[in-house]
Every structure is written in C-alpha cells, then in structure tokens.
PDB file of N, CA and C in Angstrom:
ATOM      1  N   UNK A   1    -262.814 115.269 117.170  1.00  0.00           N
ATOM      2  CA  UNK A   1    -262.983 116.123 116.006  1.00  0.00           C
ATOM      3  C   UNK A   1    -263.007 115.283 114.737  1.00  0.00           C
ATOM      4  N   UNK A   2    -261.939 114.537 114.423  1.00  0.00           N
ATOM      5  CA  UNK A   2    -261.882 113.687 113.255  1.00  0.00           C
ATOM      6  C   UNK A   2    -261.611 112.255 113.679  1.00  0.00           C
ATOM      7  N   UNK A   3    -262.207 111.319 112.994  1.00  0.00           N
ATOM      8  CA  UNK A   3    -261.957 109.915 113.303  1.00  0.00           C
ATOM      9  C   UNK A   3    -260.548 109.554 112.854  1.00  0.00           C
ATOM     10  N   UNK A   4    -259.910 108.704 113.611  1.00  0.00           N
ATOM     11  CA  UNK A   4    -258.557 108.259 113.271  1.00  0.00           C
ATOM     12  C   UNK A   4    -258.643 107.329 112.074  1.00  0.00           C
ATOM     13  N   UNK A   5    -257.954 107.662 111.004  1.00  0.00           N
ATOM     14  CA  UNK A   5    -258.025 106.853 109.793  1.00  0.00           C
ATOM     15  C   UNK A   5    -256.719 106.143 109.502  1.00  0.00           C
ATOM     16  N   UNK A   6    -255.683 106.441 110.260  1.00  0.00           N
ATOM     17  CA  UNK A   6    -254.402 105.817 110.000  1.00  0.00           C
ATOM     18  C   UNK A   6    -253.562 106.568 108.990  1.00  0.00           C
ATOM     19  N   UNK A   7    -254.113 107.585 108.347  1.00  0.00           N
ATOM     20  CA  UNK A   7    -253.357 108.381 107.378  1.00  0.00           C
ATOM     21  C   UNK A   7    -252.559 109.434 108.125  1.00  0.00           C
ATOM     22  N   UNK A   8    -251.407 109.772 107.591  1.00  0.00           N
ATOM     23  CA  UNK A   8    -250.537 110.729 108.254  1.00  0.00           C
ATOM     24  C   UNK A   8    -250.073 111.769 107.248  1.00  0.00           C
ATOM     25  N   UNK A   9    -250.012 112.999 107.697  1.00  0.00           N
ATOM     26  CA  UNK A   9    -249.509 114.102 106.895  1.00  0.00           C
ATOM     27  C   UNK A   9    -248.343 114.702 107.667  1.00  0.00           C
ATOM     28  N   UNK A  10    -247.199 114.779 107.053  1.00  0.00           N
ATOM     29  CA  UNK A  10    -246.044 115.355 107.737  1.00  0.00           C
ATOM     30  C   UNK A  10    -245.495 116.518 106.925  1.00  0.00           C
ATOM     31  N   UNK A  11    -244.940 117.477 107.628  1.00  0.00           N
ATOM     32  CA  UNK A  11    -244.328 118.629 106.971  1.00  0.00           C
ATOM     33  C   UNK A  11    -243.281 119.233 107.894  1.00  0.00           C
ATOM     34  N   UNK A  12    -242.335 119.901 107.313  1.00  0.00           N
ATOM     35  CA  UNK A  12    -241.317 120.603 108.096  1.00  0.00           C
ATOM     36  C   UNK A  12    -241.695 122.072 108.153  1.00  0.00           C
ATOM     37  N   UNK A  13    -241.611 122.659 109.345  1.00  0.00           N
ATOM     38  CA  UNK A  13    -241.951 124.063 109.522  1.00  0.00           C
ATOM     39  C   UNK A  13    -240.893 124.733 110.378  1.00  0.00           C
ATOM     40  N   UNK A  14    -240.830 126.036 110.284  1.00  0.00           N
ATOM     41  CA  UNK A  14    -239.872 126.786 111.097  1.00  0.00           C
ATOM     42  C   UNK A  14    -240.391 126.894 112.532  1.00  0.00           C
ATOM     43  N   UNK A  15    -239.502 127.251 113.434  1.00  0.00           N
ATOM     44  CA  UNK A  15    -239.908 127.452 114.832  1.00  0.00           C
ATOM     45  C   UNK A  15    -240.980 128.540 114.933  1.00  0.00           C
ATOM     46  N   UNK A  16    -240.827 129.583 114.139  1.00  0.00           N
ATOM     47  CA  UNK A  16    -241.789 130.685 114.165  1.00  0.00           C
ATOM     48  C   UNK A  16    -243.190 130.198 113.780  1.00  0.00           C
ATOM     49  N   UNK A  17    -243.259 129.403 112.732  1.00  0.00           N
ATOM     50  CA  UNK A  17    -244.554 128.878 112.281  1.00  0.00           C
ATOM     51  C   UNK A  17    -245.141 127.952 113.339  1.00  0.00           C
ATOM     52  N   UNK A  18    -244.310 127.094 113.916  1.00  0.00           N
ATOM     53  CA  UNK A  18    -244.804 126.175 114.941  1.00  0.00           C
ATOM     54  C   UNK A  18    -245.332 126.941 116.153  1.00  0.00           C
ATOM     55  N   UNK A  19    -244.596 127.963 116.573  1.00  0.00           N
ATOM     56  CA  UNK A  19    -245.044 128.763 117.721  1.00  0.00           C
ATOM     57  C   UNK A  19    -246.379 129.441 117.431  1.00  0.00           C
ATOM     58  N   UNK A  20    -246.519 129.962 116.239  1.00  0.00           N
ATOM     59  CA  UNK A  20    -247.756 130.650 115.873  1.00  0.00           C
ATOM     60  C   UNK A  20    -248.932 129.679 115.814  1.00  0.00           C
ATOM     61  N   UNK A  21    -248.723 128.519 115.196  1.00  0.00           N
ATOM     62  CA  UNK A  21    -249.782 127.513 115.130  1.00  0.00           C
ATOM     63  C   UNK A  21    -250.161 127.010 116.515  1.00  0.00           C
ATOM     64  N   UNK A  22    -249.155 126.810 117.375  1.00  0.00           N
ATOM     65  CA  UNK A  22    -249.435 126.328 118.718  1.00  0.00           C
ATOM     66  C   UNK A  22    -250.225 127.365 119.509  1.00  0.00           C
ATOM     67  N   UNK A  23    -249.865 128.643 119.352  1.00  0.00           N
ATOM     68  CA  UNK A  23    -250.587 129.699 120.052  1.00  0.00           C
ATOM     69  C   UNK A  23    -252.056 129.729 119.620  1.00  0.00           C
ATOM     70  N   UNK A  24    -252.279 129.645 118.317  1.00  0.00           N
ATOM     71  CA  UNK A  24    -253.646 129.661 117.814  1.00  0.00           C
ATOM     72  C   UNK A  24    -254.414 128.430 118.291  1.00  0.00           C
ATOM     73  N   UNK A  25    -253.776 127.274 118.277  1.00  0.00           N
ATOM     74  CA  UNK A  25    -254.427 126.043 118.745  1.00  0.00           C
ATOM     75  C   UNK A  25    -254.786 126.167 120.219  1.00  0.00           C
ATOM     76  N   UNK A  26    -253.875 126.700 121.018  1.00  0.00           N
ATOM     77  CA  UNK A  26    -254.134 126.884 122.447  1.00  0.00           C
ATOM     78  C   UNK A  26    -255.327 127.813 122.681  1.00  0.00           C
ATOM     79  N   UNK A  27    -255.425 128.857 121.861  1.00  0.00           N
ATOM     80  CA  UNK A  27    -256.508 129.831 122.026  1.00  0.00           C
ATOM     81  C   UNK A  27    -257.892 129.224 121.775  1.00  0.00           C
ATOM     82  N   UNK A  28    -257.950 128.214 120.893  1.00  0.00           N
ATOM     83  CA  UNK A  28    -259.245 127.592 120.619  1.00  0.00           C
ATOM     84  C   UNK A  28    -259.413 126.260 121.343  1.00  0.00           C
ATOM     85  N   UNK A  29    -258.431 125.896 122.152  1.00  0.00           N
ATOM     86  CA  UNK A  29    -258.530 124.679 122.948  1.00  0.00           C
ATOM     87  C   UNK A  29    -258.392 123.402 122.148  1.00  0.00           C
ATOM     88  N   UNK A  30    -257.533 123.425 121.156  1.00  0.00           N
ATOM     89  CA  UNK A  30    -257.322 122.234 120.326  1.00  0.00           C
ATOM     90  C   UNK A  30    -255.850 121.865 120.350  1.00  0.00           C
ATOM     91  N   UNK A  31    -255.563 120.629 119.970  1.00  0.00           N
ATOM     92  CA  UNK A  31    -254.162 120.273 119.773  1.00  0.00           C
ATOM     93  C   UNK A  31    -253.696 120.942 118.492  1.00  0.00           C
ATOM     94  N   UNK A  32    -252.399 121.010 118.311  1.00  0.00           N
ATOM     95  CA  UNK A  32    -251.896 121.633 117.093  1.00  0.00           C
ATOM     96  C   UNK A  32    -252.332 120.824 115.878  1.00  0.00           C
ATOM     97  N   UNK A  33    -252.285 119.504 115.974  1.00  0.00           N
ATOM     98  CA  UNK A  33    -252.730 118.672 114.848  1.00  0.00           C
ATOM     99  C   UNK A  33    -254.197 118.935 114.519  1.00  0.00           C
ATOM    100  N   UNK A  34    -255.048 118.976 115.532  1.00  0.00           N
ATOM    101  CA  UNK A  34    -256.468 119.256 115.291  1.00  0.00           C
ATOM    102  C   UNK A  34    -256.645 120.613 114.627  1.00  0.00           C
ATOM    103  N   UNK A  35    -255.916 121.600 115.142  1.00  0.00           N
ATOM    104  CA  UNK A  35    -256.024 122.949 114.602  1.00  0.00           C
ATOM    105  C   UNK A  35    -255.597 122.993 113.136  1.00  0.00           C
ATOM    106  N   UNK A  36    -254.464 122.386 112.823  1.00  0.00           N
ATOM    107  CA  UNK A  36    -253.941 122.418 111.454  1.00  0.00           C
ATOM    108  C   UNK A  36    -254.885 121.685 110.501  1.00  0.00           C
ATOM    109  N   UNK A  37    -255.379 120.520 110.903  1.00  0.00           N
ATOM    110  CA  UNK A  37    -256.295 119.769 110.046  1.00  0.00           C
ATOM    111  C   UNK A  37    -257.577 120.564 109.814  1.00  0.00           C
ATOM    112  N   UNK A  38    -258.128 121.156 110.878  1.00  0.00           N
ATOM    113  CA  UNK A  38    -259.359 121.931 110.726  1.00  0.00           C
ATOM    114  C   UNK A  38    -259.142 123.136 109.822  1.00  0.00           C
ATOM    115  N   UNK A  39    -258.025 123.835 110.005  1.00  0.00           N
ATOM    116  CA  UNK A  39    -257.729 124.995 109.162  1.00  0.00           C
ATOM    117  C   UNK A  39    -257.544 124.581 107.704  1.00  0.00           C
ATOM    118  N   UNK A  40    -256.872 123.467 107.484  1.00  0.00           N
ATOM    119  CA  UNK A  40    -256.663 122.983 106.122  1.00  0.00           C
ATOM    120  C   UNK A  40    -257.992 122.597 105.471  1.00  0.00           C
ATOM    121  N   UNK A  41    -258.869 121.950 106.231  1.00  0.00           N
ATOM    122  CA  UNK A  41    -260.182 121.574 105.691  1.00  0.00           C
ATOM    123  C   UNK A  41    -261.015 122.808 105.338  1.00  0.00           C
ATOM    124  N   UNK A  42    -260.980 123.820 106.196  1.00  0.00           N
ATOM    125  CA  UNK A  42    -261.720 125.055 105.906  1.00  0.00           C
ATOM    126  C   UNK A  42    -261.200 125.705 104.634  1.00  0.00           C
ATOM    127  N   UNK A  43    -259.877 125.745 104.498  1.00  0.00           N
ATOM    128  CA  UNK A  43    -259.269 126.332 103.291  1.00  0.00           C
ATOM    129  C   UNK A  43    -259.619 125.498 102.069  1.00  0.00           C
ATOM    130  N   UNK A  44    -259.582 124.173 102.195  1.00  0.00           N
ATOM    131  CA  UNK A  44    -259.927 123.291 101.077  1.00  0.00           C
ATOM    132  C   UNK A  44    -261.365 123.528 100.632  1.00  0.00           C
ATOM    133  N   UNK A  45    -262.279 123.664 101.588  1.00  0.00           N
ATOM    134  CA  UNK A  45    -263.677 123.934 101.250  1.00  0.00           C
ATOM    135  C   UNK A  45    -263.814 125.230 100.460  1.00  0.00           C
ATOM    136  N   UNK A  46    -263.094 126.274 100.881  1.00  0.00           N
ATOM    137  CA  UNK A  46    -263.160 127.562 100.187  1.00  0.00           C
ATOM    138  C   UNK A  46    -262.617 127.459  98.768  1.00  0.00           C
ATOM    139  N   UNK A  47    -261.490 126.757  98.612  1.00  0.00           N
ATOM    140  CA  UNK A  47    -260.892 126.604  97.287  1.00  0.00           C
ATOM    141  C   UNK A  47    -261.824 125.814  96.371  1.00  0.00           C
ATOM    142  N   UNK A  48    -262.355 124.716  96.874  1.00  0.00           N
ATOM    143  CA  UNK A  48    -263.259 123.885  96.069  1.00  0.00           C
ATOM    144  C   UNK A  48    -264.486 124.683  95.663  1.00  0.00           C
ATOM    145  N   UNK A  49    -265.054 125.427  96.599  1.00  0.00           N
ATOM    146  CA  UNK A  49    -266.237 126.235  96.282  1.00  0.00           C
ATOM    147  C   UNK A  49    -265.920 127.304  95.249  1.00  0.00           C
ATOM    148  N   UNK A  50    -264.808 128.005  95.427  1.00  0.00           N
ATOM    149  CA  UNK A  50    -264.488 129.090  94.497  1.00  0.00           C
ATOM    150  C   UNK A  50    -264.147 128.562  93.105  1.00  0.00           C
ATOM    151  N   UNK A  51    -263.545 127.371  93.029  1.00  0.00           N
ATOM    152  CA  UNK A  51    -263.201 126.802  91.734  1.00  0.00           C
ATOM    153  C   UNK A  51    -264.377 126.082  91.083  1.00  0.00           C
ATOM    154  N   UNK A  52    -265.446 125.851  91.836  1.00  0.00           N
ATOM    155  CA  UNK A  52    -266.618 125.145  91.315  1.00  0.00           C
ATOM    156  C   UNK A  52    -267.760 126.097  90.993  1.00  0.00           C
ATOM    157  N   UNK A  53    -267.567 127.374  91.224  1.00  0.00           N
ATOM    158  CA  UNK A  53    -268.620 128.358  91.045  1.00  0.00           C
ATOM    159  C   UNK A  53    -268.244 129.326  89.933  1.00  0.00           C
ATOM    160  N   UNK A  54    -269.189 129.599  89.066  1.00  0.00           N
ATOM    161  CA  UNK A  54    -268.979 130.594  88.017  1.00  0.00           C
ATOM    162  C   UNK A  54    -269.828 131.811  88.376  1.00  0.00           C
ATOM    163  N   UNK A  55    -269.200 132.942  88.478  1.00  0.00           N
ATOM    164  CA  UNK A  55    -269.914 134.177  88.775  1.00  0.00           C
ATOM    165  C   UNK A  55    -270.138 134.953  87.483  1.00  0.00           C
ATOM    166  N   UNK A  56    -271.370 135.335  87.263  1.00  0.00           N
ATOM    167  CA  UNK A  56    -271.718 136.110  86.082  1.00  0.00           C
ATOM    168  C   UNK A  56    -272.254 137.473  86.493  1.00  0.00           C
ATOM    169  N   UNK A  57    -271.993 138.456  85.652  1.00  0.00           N
ATOM    170  CA  UNK A  57    -272.615 139.754  85.881  1.00  0.00           C
ATOM    171  C   UNK A  57    -274.094 139.627  85.538  1.00  0.00           C
ATOM    172  N   UNK A  58    -274.860 140.616  85.899  1.00  0.00           N
ATOM    173  CA  UNK A  58    -276.295 140.597  85.566  1.00  0.00           C
ATOM    174  C   UNK A  58    -276.472 140.492  84.063  1.00  0.00           C
ATOM    175  N   UNK A  59    -275.694 141.252  83.332  1.00  0.00           N
ATOM    176  CA  UNK A  59    -275.791 141.238  81.868  1.00  0.00           C
ATOM    177  C   UNK A  59    -275.453 139.849  81.317  1.00  0.00           C
ATOM    178  N   UNK A  60    -274.396 139.241  81.827  1.00  0.00           N
ATOM    179  CA  UNK A  60    -274.004 137.902  81.366  1.00  0.00           C
ATOM    180  C   UNK A  60    -275.073 136.860  81.704  1.00  0.00           C
ATOM    181  N   UNK A  61    -275.640 136.957  82.897  1.00  0.00           N
ATOM    182  CA  UNK A  61    -276.667 135.977  83.283  1.00  0.00           C
ATOM    183  C   UNK A  61    -277.924 136.134  82.437  1.00  0.00           C
ATOM    184  N   UNK A  62    -278.298 137.364  82.114  1.00  0.00           N
ATOM    185  CA  UNK A  62    -279.457 137.580  81.242  1.00  0.00           C
ATOM    186  C   UNK A  62    -279.191 137.037  79.836  1.00  0.00           C
ATOM    187  N   UNK A  63    -277.978 137.226  79.352  1.00  0.00           N
ATOM    188  CA  UNK A  63    -277.604 136.694  78.026  1.00  0.00           C
ATOM    189  C   UNK A  63    -277.660 135.171  78.031  1.00  0.00           C
ATOM    190  N   UNK A  64    -277.161 134.536  79.099  1.00  0.00           N
ATOM    191  CA  UNK A  64    -277.199 133.081  79.210  1.00  0.00           C
ATOM    192  C   UNK A  64    -278.636 132.575  79.209  1.00  0.00           C
ATOM    193  N   UNK A  65    -279.499 133.214  79.976  1.00  0.00           N
ATOM    194  CA  UNK A  65    -280.908 132.814  80.001  1.00  0.00           C
ATOM    195  C   UNK A  65    -281.554 132.986  78.629  1.00  0.00           C
ATOM    196  N   UNK A  66    -281.212 134.057  77.947  1.00  0.00           N
ATOM    197  CA  UNK A  66    -281.743 134.291  76.598  1.00  0.00           C
ATOM    198  C   UNK A  66    -281.312 133.170  75.650  1.00  0.00           C
ATOM    199  N   UNK A  67    -280.049 132.767  75.733  1.00  0.00           N
ATOM    200  CA  UNK A  67    -279.561 131.693  74.864  1.00  0.00           C
ATOM    201  C   UNK A  67    -280.192 130.345  75.202  1.00  0.00           C
ATOM    202  N   UNK A  68    -280.475 130.131  76.483  1.00  0.00           N
ATOM    203  CA  UNK A  68    -281.130 128.885  76.876  1.00  0.00           C
ATOM    204  C   UNK A  68    -282.558 128.849  76.335  1.00  0.00           C
ATOM    205  N   UNK A  69    -283.259 129.973  76.461  1.00  0.00           N
ATOM    206  CA  UNK A  69    -284.650 130.029  76.008  1.00  0.00           C
ATOM    207  C   UNK A  69    -284.772 130.102  74.484  1.00  0.00           C
ATOM    208  N   UNK A  70    -283.798 130.739  73.855  1.00  0.00           N
ATOM    209  CA  UNK A  70    -283.821 130.908  72.397  1.00  0.00           C
ATOM    210  C   UNK A  70    -282.450 130.547  71.830  1.00  0.00           C
ATOM    211  N   UNK A  71    -282.151 129.251  71.750  1.00  0.00           N
ATOM    212  CA  UNK A  71    -280.821 128.865  71.259  1.00  0.00           C
ATOM    213  C   UNK A  71    -280.638 129.241  69.799  1.00  0.00           C
ATOM    214  N   UNK A  72    -279.401 129.509  69.404  1.00  0.00           N
ATOM    215  CA  UNK A  72    -279.161 129.838  67.999  1.00  0.00           C
ATOM    216  C   UNK A  72    -279.443 128.612  67.124  1.00  0.00           C
ATOM    217  N   UNK A  73    -279.698 128.828  65.837  1.00  0.00           N
ATOM    218  CA  UNK A  73    -279.965 127.683  64.959  1.00  0.00           C
ATOM    219  C   UNK A  73    -278.739 126.770  64.885  1.00  0.00           C
ATOM    220  N   UNK A  74    -279.004 125.501  64.703  1.00  0.00           N
ATOM    221  CA  UNK A  74    -277.921 124.521  64.622  1.00  0.00           C
ATOM    222  C   UNK A  74    -277.278 124.626  63.242  1.00  0.00           C
ATOM    223  N   UNK A  75    -275.989 124.949  63.231  1.00  0.00           N
ATOM    224  CA  UNK A  75    -275.281 125.051  61.958  1.00  0.00           C
ATOM    225  C   UNK A  75    -274.570 123.724  61.654  1.00  0.00           C
ATOM    226  N   UNK A  76    -273.900 123.681  60.526  1.00  0.00           N
ATOM    227  CA  UNK A  76    -273.249 122.440  60.083  1.00  0.00           C
ATOM    228  C   UNK A  76    -272.182 121.973  61.082  1.00  0.00           C
ATOM    229  N   UNK A  77    -271.403 122.904  61.631  1.00  0.00           N
ATOM    230  CA  UNK A  77    -270.370 122.523  62.607  1.00  0.00           C
ATOM    231  C   UNK A  77    -270.998 121.877  63.841  1.00  0.00           C
ATOM    232  N   UNK A  78    -272.106 122.431  64.296  1.00  0.00           N
ATOM    233  CA  UNK A  78    -272.794 121.869  65.461  1.00  0.00           C
ATOM    234  C   UNK A  78    -273.287 120.462  65.150  1.00  0.00           C
ATOM    235  N   UNK A  79    -273.896 120.281  63.990  1.00  0.00           N
ATOM    236  CA  UNK A  79    -274.430 118.970  63.625  1.00  0.00           C
ATOM    237  C   UNK A  79    -273.313 117.933  63.500  1.00  0.00           C
ATOM    238  N   UNK A  80    -272.163 118.333  62.964  1.00  0.00           N
ATOM    239  CA  UNK A  80    -271.022 117.419  62.869  1.00  0.00           C
ATOM    240  C   UNK A  80    -270.515 117.045  64.259  1.00  0.00           C
ATOM    241  N   UNK A  81    -270.421 118.036  65.133  1.00  0.00           N
ATOM    242  CA  UNK A  81    -269.963 117.768  66.500  1.00  0.00           C
ATOM    243  C   UNK A  81    -270.928 116.839  67.219  1.00  0.00           C
ATOM    244  N   UNK A  82    -272.227 117.047  67.043  1.00  0.00           N
ATOM    245  CA  UNK A  82    -273.223 116.193  67.677  1.00  0.00           C
ATOM    246  C   UNK A  82    -273.118 114.763  67.140  1.00  0.00           C
ATOM    247  N   UNK A  83    -272.872 114.635  65.860  1.00  0.00           N
ATOM    248  CA  UNK A  83    -272.728 113.314  65.252  1.00  0.00           C
ATOM    249  C   UNK A  83    -271.497 112.594  65.817  1.00  0.00           C
ATOM    250  N   UNK A  84    -270.376 113.318  65.942  1.00  0.00           N
ATOM    251  CA  UNK A  84    -269.160 112.724  66.521  1.00  0.00           C
ATOM    252  C   UNK A  84    -269.405 112.303  67.968  1.00  0.00           C
ATOM    253  N   UNK A  85    -270.098 113.126  68.722  1.00  0.00           N
ATOM    254  CA  UNK A  85    -270.396 112.808  70.116  1.00  0.00           C
ATOM    255  C   UNK A  85    -271.248 111.544  70.207  1.00  0.00           C
ATOM    256  N   UNK A  86    -272.285 111.463  69.390  1.00  0.00           N
ATOM    257  CA  UNK A  86    -273.149 110.283  69.414  1.00  0.00           C
ATOM    258  C   UNK A  86    -272.366 109.029  69.048  1.00  0.00           C
ATOM    259  N   UNK A  87    -271.474 109.137  68.060  1.00  0.00           N
ATOM    260  CA  UNK A  87    -270.658 107.994  67.664  1.00  0.00           C
ATOM    261  C   UNK A  87    -269.744 107.568  68.808  1.00  0.00           C
ATOM    262  N   UNK A  88    -269.096 108.545  69.456  1.00  0.00           N
ATOM    263  CA  UNK A  88    -268.219 108.223  70.595  1.00  0.00           C
ATOM    264  C   UNK A  88    -269.029 107.582  71.713  1.00  0.00           C
ATOM    265  N   UNK A  89    -270.188 108.109  71.990  1.00  0.00           N
ATOM    266  CA  UNK A  89    -271.028 107.574  73.058  1.00  0.00           C
ATOM    267  C   UNK A  89    -271.443 106.141  72.749  1.00  0.00           C
ATOM    268  N   UNK A  90    -271.794 105.895  71.501  1.00  0.00           N
ATOM    269  CA  UNK A  90    -272.186 104.539  71.101  1.00  0.00           C
ATOM    270  C   UNK A  90    -271.000 103.583  71.119  1.00  0.00           C
ATOM    271  N   UNK A  91    -269.811 104.065  70.743  1.00  0.00           N
ATOM    272  CA  UNK A  91    -268.611 103.225  70.770  1.00  0.00           C
ATOM    273  C   UNK A  91    -268.225 102.856  72.195  1.00  0.00           C
ATOM    274  N   UNK A  92    -268.451 103.758  73.138  1.00  0.00           N
ATOM    275  CA  UNK A  92    -268.124 103.498  74.540  1.00  0.00           C
ATOM    276  C   UNK A  92    -269.106 102.547  75.191  1.00  0.00           C
ATOM    277  N   UNK A  93    -270.343 102.547  74.747  1.00  0.00           N
ATOM    278  CA  UNK A  93    -271.395 101.720  75.336  1.00  0.00           C
ATOM    279  C   UNK A  93    -272.121 100.926  74.250  1.00  0.00           C
ATOM    280  N   UNK A  94    -271.433  99.953  73.642  1.00  0.00           N
ATOM    281  CA  UNK A  94    -272.091  99.209  72.561  1.00  0.00           C
ATOM    282  C   UNK A  94    -273.267  98.401  73.119  1.00  0.00           C
ATOM    283  N   UNK A  95    -274.289  98.336  72.323  1.00  0.00           N
ATOM    284  CA  UNK A  95    -275.443  97.541  72.734  1.00  0.00           C
ATOM    285  C   UNK A  95    -275.147  96.081  72.432  1.00  0.00           C
ATOM    286  N   UNK A  96    -275.416  95.236  73.389  1.00  0.00           N
ATOM    287  CA  UNK A  96    -275.187  93.807  73.202  1.00  0.00           C
ATOM    288  C   UNK A  96    -276.536  93.129  73.063  1.00  0.00           C
ATOM    289  N   UNK A  97    -276.855  92.811  71.817  1.00  0.00           N
ATOM    290  CA  UNK A  97    -278.133  92.175  71.561  1.00  0.00           C
ATOM    291  C   UNK A  97    -277.934  90.670  71.590  1.00  0.00           C
ATOM    292  N   UNK A  98    -278.834  89.988  72.227  1.00  0.00           N
ATOM    293  CA  UNK A  98    -278.815  88.535  72.295  1.00  0.00           C
ATOM    294  C   UNK A  98    -279.499  87.972  71.055  1.00  0.00           C
ATOM    295  N   UNK A  99    -278.939  86.922  70.463  1.00  0.00           N
ATOM    296  CA  UNK A  99    -279.611  86.321  69.308  1.00  0.00           C
ATOM    297  C   UNK A  99    -280.952  85.738  69.709  1.00  0.00           C
ATOM    298  N   UNK A 100    -281.921  85.837  68.785  1.00  0.00           N
ATOM    299  CA  UNK A 100    -283.283  85.359  69.080  1.00  0.00           C
ATOM    300  C   UNK A 100    -283.414  83.868  68.937  1.00  0.00           C
TER     301      UNK A 100
END
C-alpha cells in the first residue's frame, strides 16, 4: 500500500478504539496500520480540498465575473498599494547589472 519511509506515527488509544479500528481493518483485509494510514490520508485529502476551494452562489459568481470583465476604476488607494507592491518586489529581487 505505502512504501516504507522510516517515519513513524504513534498515538495512545483506548481499548474500544483499538477494537473498532481492528474490526474495520479486518473487514477490508488490511493491517490496522494500513487501515489507519489510509483513513488518515483520505481525511487529509478532504480537508485540503475543502480548505482550498471557495464556493460561490450563482449571484456571487456572476458578480465576480462582472468585476473581472469590468474592473472598477483605479483610485488613489489602489495606485499607492500597487506602488508599494512594486517597490517591495524590486527590493526582494534587485537587478544586478554588470559594468560595461
């Protein structure tokens, strides 16, 4: 199922939890470790997906598309923010010109 990587995860569980996990592992023909790792990976995938996805209503999605196609005019605050961003970007990646 998973390649051995040498990493170990340990936890303390009650007898009830261990019995339940073992029963479920037996039902699918896996070791308890395989079962727990697979279940944890499935849960991790769901959490990552749900936290990485933004759901919009139809009205919200239409509004977003409208703003993308017809952005509001750039006001002074926007221009200042853009200027600060450009300065930060340039400070992080200074151009190194070689003397001629």
